Amino acid sequence: MFISEAFAQTAPAAAAGGAESSLLSLAPLALMFVVLYFIMIRPQMKKQKEHKAMIEALAKGDEVVIGGGVIGRVAKLGESFVHVEVANNVELQVQRGAVIQVLPKGTFK
């Protein structure tokens, strides 16, 4: 009464250009990967490269923002660590990767 009868459908006839139609079906997938690369992957790689260059260019006296939003002045530099002076006689030792931003001179007083 509420369920209608289901009838089987016959299989569609095979297409004449089989290889061509399979390549056309992969085109949207390839296009999605190209768009994904230019919208997401490439800008992220550029940002990582800029951050690495900024970290390598750190110098004593630079005013920086570290991971937790703390502002300070670079007091000492090591190969993998940076000592950031956040107040008089108060230094934090952080990894170089924790430096988020280098501020303009005179920001930190």
Protein backbone atom coordinates (compact mmCIF):
# COMPACT_ATOMS: atom_id res chain seq x y z
CA MET A 1 0.00 0.00 0.00
CA PHE A 2 2.68 2.57 1.03
CA ILE A 3 5.59 0.91 -0.72
CA SER A 4 5.70 1.26 -4.47
CA GLU A 5 7.03 -1.51 -6.61
CA ALA A 6 10.67 -1.27 -7.68
CA PHE A 7 11.64 -2.17 -11.20
CA ALA A 8 15.19 -3.01 -12.25
CA GLN A 9 16.72 -0.76 -14.85
CA THR A 10 18.67 -2.09 -17.77
CA ALA A 11 22.41 -1.34 -17.98
CA PRO A 12 23.31 1.62 -20.21
CA ALA A 13 25.09 0.90 -23.46
CA ALA A 14 28.91 1.19 -23.39
CA ALA A 15 30.30 4.52 -24.57
CA ALA A 16 32.30 4.55 -27.77
CA GLY A 17 35.28 6.58 -26.44
CA GLY A 18 36.14 4.68 -23.21
CA ALA A 19 39.66 6.05 -22.62
CA GLU A 20 38.66 9.61 -23.45
CA SER A 21 35.71 9.59 -21.05
CA SER A 22 37.86 8.25 -18.18
CA LEU A 23 40.38 11.07 -18.70
CA LEU A 24 37.57 13.62 -18.71
CA SER A 25 36.25 12.18 -15.44
CA LEU A 26 39.67 12.75 -13.82
CA ALA A 27 39.90 16.37 -15.00
CA PRO A 28 37.81 17.86 -12.15
CA LEU A 29 39.90 15.98 -9.59
CA ALA A 30 43.14 17.26 -11.11
CA LEU A 31 41.72 20.78 -11.23
CA MET A 32 40.83 20.57 -7.53
CA PHE A 33 44.42 19.63 -6.65
CA VAL A 34 45.80 22.55 -8.70
CA VAL A 35 43.43 25.00 -7.01
CA LEU A 36 44.25 23.53 -3.57
CA TYR A 37 47.97 23.99 -4.24
CA PHE A 38 47.64 27.66 -5.22
CA ILE A 39 45.12 28.57 -2.49
CA MET A 40 46.45 26.65 0.51
CA ILE A 41 49.81 24.94 0.10
CA ARG A 42 51.85 27.59 -1.72
CA PRO A 43 50.95 30.51 0.62
CA GLN A 44 51.70 28.33 3.67
CA MET A 45 55.13 27.41 2.28
CA LYS A 46 55.84 31.10 1.61
CA LYS A 47 54.84 32.02 5.17
CA GLN A 48 57.08 29.29 6.61
CA LYS A 49 60.02 30.53 4.53
CA GLU A 50 59.50 34.12 5.72
CA HIS A 51 59.28 32.98 9.38
CA LYS A 52 62.48 30.96 9.05
CA ALA A 53 64.30 33.96 7.54
CA MET A 54 63.02 36.19 10.36
CA ILE A 55 64.24 33.76 13.04
CA GLU A 56 67.67 33.43 11.40
CA ALA A 57 68.00 37.23 11.23
CA LEU A 58 67.36 37.79 14.95
CA ALA A 59 69.96 39.97 16.64
CA LYS A 60 70.68 41.09 20.17
CA GLY A 61 68.48 44.07 21.06
CA ASP A 62 65.60 43.17 18.72
CA GLU A 63 62.15 43.63 20.23
CA VAL A 64 60.05 40.51 19.73
CA VAL A 65 56.74 38.87 20.55
CA ILE A 66 57.03 35.27 21.72
CA GLY A 67 54.47 32.45 21.65
CA GLY A 68 52.29 33.42 24.61
CA GLY A 69 51.99 37.03 23.48
CA VAL A 70 54.81 38.19 25.75
CA ILE A 71 56.79 41.17 24.48
CA GLY A 72 60.48 41.48 25.23
CA ARG A 73 63.96 42.35 24.02
CA VAL A 74 66.47 39.75 22.84
CA ALA A 75 69.27 39.60 25.42
CA LYS A 76 71.26 36.54 24.28
CA LEU A 77 71.21 34.31 21.24
CA GLY A 78 72.04 30.64 21.07
CA GLU A 79 71.80 28.13 18.26
CA SER A 80 68.35 26.91 19.21
CA PHE A 81 67.39 29.15 22.15
CA VAL A 82 66.88 32.86 22.68
CA HIS A 83 66.97 34.73 26.00
CA VAL A 84 64.25 37.39 25.99
CA GLU A 85 64.34 40.13 28.63
CA VAL A 86 60.73 40.90 29.60
CA ALA A 87 61.51 43.20 32.56
CA ASN A 88 64.56 44.47 34.41
CA ASN A 89 66.66 41.43 35.38
CA VAL A 90 63.93 39.02 34.19
CA GLU A 91 64.84 36.83 31.22
CA LEU A 92 62.87 34.05 29.60
CA GLN A 93 64.68 31.33 27.71
CA VAL A 94 62.60 30.20 24.72
CA GLN A 95 63.18 28.26 21.55
CA ARG A 96 63.84 30.31 18.44
CA GLY A 97 60.64 28.97 16.88
CA ALA A 98 58.61 30.57 19.69
CA VAL A 99 59.41 34.03 18.32
CA ILE A 100 56.31 35.06 16.41
CA GLN A 101 57.10 38.61 15.34
CA VAL A 102 59.89 41.15 15.38
CA LEU A 103 58.56 44.54 16.46
CA PRO A 104 59.78 47.97 15.35
CA LYS A 105 62.42 49.59 17.59
CA GLY A 106 60.99 51.57 20.49
CA THR A 107 57.86 49.44 20.93
CA PHE A 108 59.09 47.78 24.14
CA LYS A 109 60.03 50.25 26.87
